[in-house]
Amino acid sequence: MNVLFKDVSKHFGSIKALENLNFEVKTGDFVFIVGSSGAGKSTLLKMILSQYRPSTGEIYIDGHLLNFKNKHLIDKLRQNIGVIFQDYQLIADKTVEENIALALDINGFPSREIPQRVDKAIDQVFLQSRRHLFPAQLSGGELQRAALARALAIDPKLILADEPTGNLDPENSWNLIKLLKEINESRGTTIIMTTHNFDIVESLNKRKITMKNGTIVNDTIKKVVKKLKKKKIKK
């Protein structure tokens, strides 16, 4: 799934949450968005999810201009986006498989498909022995894998991960990142992940967009392109 921001700004009254963002994430990319708290990372993800509409500028998802008056288009796009949150957002009185099934039902999947999709998602994150447990019975790593399974069950074209390792210890953080990397490489799923964990960012050698005060202050892809252009001129 392709994401394109053209001159996008988002203001909440006098607060400039995002200012003049221009970037593109191509289908199959794995991109980290980094920056301190308040930099605008979560707001950016909510813009992609159509939870906020831009104050100015245009957002395109797979070539479709987000039209906030077209509820059918927004719903259709959201059906292809899986989301993982730092605080998991699992329903406390439902088991792992019930949480996943509910998400599928909300997304409009036929009831006959849901059991098979639940089984597949649970297998992908290695939670077979935990499927009948409630969130309170799971460890932090298991909770985040359950949240990932919920996102994977819809076969998303895009995964938005908002600080998914924020509440995890180092070992579980790396296990989650390995799963995301495998999903990206094996299925071509586009992944956009916000994080404060610079060890993970540097180790994976993926594109990094750095934000500060609602603006993009650095983009590793643009740096690479500039270097290649300079090299070409010298030749």
Protein backbone atom coordinates (compact mmCIF):
# COMPACT_ATOMS: atom_id res chain seq x y z
CA MET A 1 0.00 0.00 0.00
CA ASN A 2 1.37 3.37 -1.07
CA VAL A 3 1.10 6.51 1.11
CA LEU A 4 1.71 10.03 -0.20
CA PHE A 5 1.59 13.33 1.73
CA LYS A 6 1.59 16.55 -0.30
CA ASP A 7 2.03 19.81 1.64
CA VAL A 8 0.07 18.39 4.58
CA SER A 9 -0.45 20.48 7.71
CA LYS A 10 -2.65 19.83 10.74
CA HIS A 11 -3.53 22.58 13.19
CA PHE A 12 -5.54 22.31 16.39
CA GLY A 13 -6.44 25.94 16.95
CA SER A 14 -3.14 27.75 17.45
CA ILE A 15 -1.22 24.48 17.88
CA LYS A 16 0.65 23.38 14.75
CA ALA A 17 0.74 19.59 15.14
CA LEU A 18 2.04 18.98 11.60
CA GLU A 19 3.46 21.54 9.21
CA ASN A 20 3.98 21.16 5.46
CA LEU A 21 4.79 17.42 5.29
CA ASN A 22 5.91 16.02 1.95
CA PHE A 23 6.91 12.37 1.72
CA GLU A 24 6.01 9.09 0.03
CA VAL A 25 6.08 5.55 1.39
CA LYS A 26 6.02 3.05 -1.45
CA THR A 27 4.34 -0.35 -1.42
CA GLY A 28 6.49 -2.88 0.43
CA ASP A 29 8.60 -0.30 2.29
CA PHE A 30 9.49 -0.55 5.98
CA VAL A 31 9.83 2.96 7.40
CA PHE A 32 10.66 4.18 10.89
CA ILE A 33 9.36 7.54 12.10
CA VAL A 34 11.39 8.86 15.01
CA GLY A 35 11.35 11.97 17.16
CA SER A 36 10.74 13.09 20.71
CA SER A 37 7.31 13.15 22.35
CA GLY A 38 5.16 15.85 20.78
CA ALA A 39 7.02 15.72 17.46
CA GLY A 40 3.83 14.74 15.62
CA LYS A 41 4.46 11.04 15.02
CA SER A 42 1.13 9.72 16.34
CA THR A 43 -0.79 12.55 14.65
CA LEU A 44 0.79 11.53 11.34
CA LEU A 45 -0.42 7.94 11.77
CA LYS A 46 -3.92 9.16 12.64
CA MET A 47 -3.93 11.19 9.44
CA ILE A 48 -3.19 8.03 7.45
CA LEU A 49 -6.05 6.29 9.29
CA SER A 50 -8.34 9.22 8.39
CA GLN A 51 -9.03 9.92 12.06
CA TYR A 52 -7.97 13.51 11.41
CA ARG A 53 -8.42 15.48 8.21
CA PRO A 54 -5.62 17.82 7.11
CA SER A 55 -5.95 21.54 7.67
CA THR A 56 -4.18 22.00 4.35
CA GLY A 57 -2.66 19.66 1.76
CA GLU A 58 -3.59 16.28 0.33
CA ILE A 59 -3.14 12.67 1.43
CA TYR A 60 -3.22 9.82 -1.10
CA ILE A 61 -3.55 6.14 -0.16
CA ASP A 62 -2.88 3.75 -3.05
CA GLY A 63 -3.50 6.63 -5.42
CA HIS A 64 -6.84 7.57 -3.85
CA LEU A 65 -7.15 11.12 -2.55
CA LEU A 66 -8.66 10.87 0.92
CA ASN A 67 -12.11 12.39 0.64
CA PHE A 68 -13.48 12.71 4.14
CA LYS A 69 -17.02 13.09 2.82
CA ASN A 70 -16.81 9.67 1.16
CA LYS A 71 -17.37 7.31 4.10
CA HIS A 72 -17.42 4.24 1.81
CA LEU A 73 -13.90 5.03 0.53
CA ILE A 74 -12.57 5.63 4.05
CA ASP A 75 -14.07 2.36 5.33
CA LYS A 76 -12.66 0.44 2.37
CA LEU A 77 -9.15 1.83 2.91
CA ARG A 78 -9.27 1.09 6.65
CA GLN A 79 -10.10 -2.55 5.92
CA ASN A 80 -6.60 -2.86 4.46
CA ILE A 81 -4.77 -1.21 7.37
CA GLY A 82 -3.70 -3.09 10.49
CA VAL A 83 -2.82 -1.07 13.59
CA ILE A 84 -0.66 -1.95 16.60
CA PHE A 85 -0.68 0.31 19.65
CA GLN A 86 1.80 0.67 22.52
CA ASP A 87 -0.93 -0.13 25.07
CA TYR A 88 -2.27 -3.11 23.05
CA GLN A 89 -5.96 -2.02 23.26
CA LEU A 90 -7.25 -5.55 23.74
CA ILE A 91 -10.69 -6.01 25.27
CA ALA A 92 -10.19 -7.30 28.81
CA ASP A 93 -13.19 -9.66 29.01
CA LYS A 94 -12.47 -11.40 25.71
CA THR A 95 -9.90 -14.10 24.99
CA VAL A 96 -7.13 -13.73 22.42
CA GLU A 97 -9.17 -15.45 19.72
CA GLU A 98 -12.30 -13.51 20.63
CA ASN A 99 -10.41 -10.20 20.34
CA ILE A 100 -9.23 -11.17 16.87
CA ALA A 101 -12.66 -12.42 15.79
CA LEU A 102 -14.32 -9.21 16.95
CA ALA A 103 -11.92 -7.11 14.89
CA LEU A 104 -12.72 -9.19 11.82
CA ASP A 105 -16.45 -8.87 12.44
CA ILE A 106 -16.16 -5.08 12.80
CA ASN A 107 -14.26 -4.97 9.51
CA GLY A 108 -17.15 -6.73 7.80
CA PHE A 109 -15.62 -10.14 7.11
CA PRO A 110 -18.17 -12.95 6.54
CA SER A 111 -18.71 -15.07 9.66
CA ARG A 112 -17.76 -18.24 7.76
CA GLU A 113 -14.24 -16.83 7.11
CA ILE A 114 -13.52 -15.67 10.63
CA PRO A 115 -12.46 -18.97 12.33
CA GLN A 116 -9.91 -19.71 9.60
CA ARG A 117 -8.50 -16.19 9.71
CA VAL A 118 -8.23 -16.34 13.50
CA ASP A 119 -6.34 -19.66 13.32
CA LYS A 120 -3.92 -18.33 10.70
CA ALA A 121 -3.18 -15.12 12.62
CA ILE A 122 -2.59 -16.96 15.90
CA ASP A 123 -0.22 -19.39 14.16
CA GLN A 124 1.77 -16.51 12.64
CA VAL A 125 2.59 -15.03 16.05
CA PHE A 126 3.07 -18.37 17.86
CA LEU A 127 0.24 -17.98 20.36
CA GLN A 128 -1.50 -21.32 19.81
CA SER A 129 -1.22 -22.25 23.50
CA ARG A 130 -2.55 -18.86 24.61
CA ARG A 131 -5.56 -18.47 22.34
CA HIS A 132 -8.14 -19.15 25.08
CA LEU A 133 -6.54 -16.86 27.66
CA PHE A 134 -7.67 -13.34 28.61
CA PRO A 135 -5.35 -10.29 28.36
CA ALA A 136 -4.77 -10.26 32.13
CA GLN A 137 -3.30 -13.77 31.86
CA LEU A 138 -0.71 -12.81 29.24
CA SER A 139 2.80 -11.39 29.53
CA GLY A 140 3.71 -8.08 27.88
CA GLY A 141 5.29 -9.83 24.90
CA GLU A 142 2.26 -12.09 24.49
CA LEU A 143 -0.10 -9.10 24.67
CA GLN A 144 1.75 -7.35 21.86
CA ARG A 145 1.82 -10.52 19.75
CA ALA A 146 -1.94 -10.85 20.30
CA ALA A 147 -2.34 -7.25 19.11
CA LEU A 148 -0.19 -8.07 16.08
CA ALA A 149 -2.33 -11.15 15.35
CA ARG A 150 -5.43 -8.95 15.42
CA ALA A 151 -3.79 -6.63 12.88
CA LEU A 152 -2.64 -9.52 10.66
CA ALA A 153 -6.01 -11.28 10.59
CA ILE A 154 -7.38 -8.85 8.00
CA ASP A 155 -4.41 -9.54 5.65
CA PRO A 156 -3.47 -5.85 5.70
CA LYS A 157 -1.63 -4.13 2.89
CA LEU A 158 -0.30 -1.64 5.44
CA ILE A 159 0.59 -1.96 9.13
CA LEU A 160 0.82 1.15 11.31
CA ALA A 161 2.77 0.44 14.49
CA ASP A 162 2.67 3.23 17.08
CA GLU A 163 5.51 2.69 19.58
CA PRO A 164 4.80 -1.08 19.66
CA THR A 165 7.90 -1.86 21.75
CA GLY A 166 7.33 0.95 24.26
CA ASN A 167 6.12 -1.36 27.04
CA LEU A 168 8.30 -4.36 26.21
CA ASP A 169 11.62 -5.57 27.56
CA PRO A 170 14.56 -5.80 25.11
CA GLU A 171 14.07 -9.50 24.31
CA ASN A 172 10.37 -9.15 23.52
CA SER A 173 11.05 -5.95 21.59
CA TRP A 174 13.45 -7.77 19.30
CA ASN A 175 11.06 -10.71 18.90
CA LEU A 176 8.30 -8.35 17.77
CA ILE A 177 10.59 -6.54 15.34
CA LYS A 178 11.70 -9.88 13.85
CA LEU A 179 8.05 -10.76 13.24
CA LEU A 180 7.35 -7.40 11.59
CA LYS A 181 10.48 -7.71 9.44
CA GLU A 182 9.47 -11.21 8.34
CA ILE A 183 5.94 -10.03 7.47
CA ASN A 184 7.36 -7.14 5.47
CA GLU A 185 9.79 -9.31 3.54
CA SER A 186 7.63 -12.40 2.98
CA ARG A 187 4.31 -10.72 2.24
CA GLY A 188 5.38 -7.33 0.92
CA THR A 189 3.29 -5.60 3.59
CA THR A 190 4.08 -1.90 3.93
CA ILE A 191 5.06 -1.03 7.51
CA ILE A 192 5.25 2.42 9.10
CA MET A 193 6.49 2.31 12.67
CA THR A 194 7.01 5.10 15.21
CA THR A 195 9.59 4.40 17.89
CA HIS A 196 12.03 5.80 20.45
CA ASN A 197 14.18 2.67 20.26
CA PHE A 198 17.20 3.81 18.25
CA ASP A 199 19.02 0.48 18.68
CA ILE A 200 16.29 -1.22 16.66
CA VAL A 201 16.22 1.55 14.06
CA GLU A 202 19.96 1.45 13.47
CA SER A 203 20.21 -2.35 13.43
CA LEU A 204 17.61 -2.86 10.69
CA ASN A 205 19.10 -0.29 8.30
CA LYS A 206 15.68 0.81 7.06
CA ARG A 207 14.52 4.24 5.98
CA LYS A 208 14.25 6.69 8.88
CA ILE A 209 12.10 9.83 8.90
CA THR A 210 12.99 12.15 11.77
CA MET A 211 10.37 14.62 13.01
CA LYS A 212 10.65 17.68 15.24
CA ASN A 213 7.89 20.11 16.19
CA GLY A 214 5.56 18.72 13.53
CA THR A 215 8.02 18.92 10.65
CA ILE A 216 10.31 16.44 8.91
CA VAL A 217 13.90 17.42 9.67
CA ASN A 218 15.63 14.41 8.13
CA ASP A 219 14.80 11.60 5.71
CA THR A 220 17.49 8.99 5.04
CA ILE A 221 16.09 8.15 1.58
CA LYS A 222 16.51 11.75 0.42
CA LYS A 223 20.10 11.72 1.66
CA VAL A 224 20.89 8.59 -0.34
CA VAL A 225 19.33 10.06 -3.48
CA LYS A 226 21.40 13.25 -3.11
CA LYS A 227 24.62 11.25 -2.73
CA LEU A 228 23.88 9.21 -5.84
CA LYS A 229 23.19 12.36 -7.84
CA LYS A 230 26.48 13.93 -6.75
CA LYS A 231 28.36 10.77 -7.70
CA LYS A 232 26.79 10.78 -11.14
CA ILE A 233 27.81 14.39 -11.76
CA LYS A 234 31.46 13.60 -10.93
CA LYS A 235 31.53 10.84 -13.51
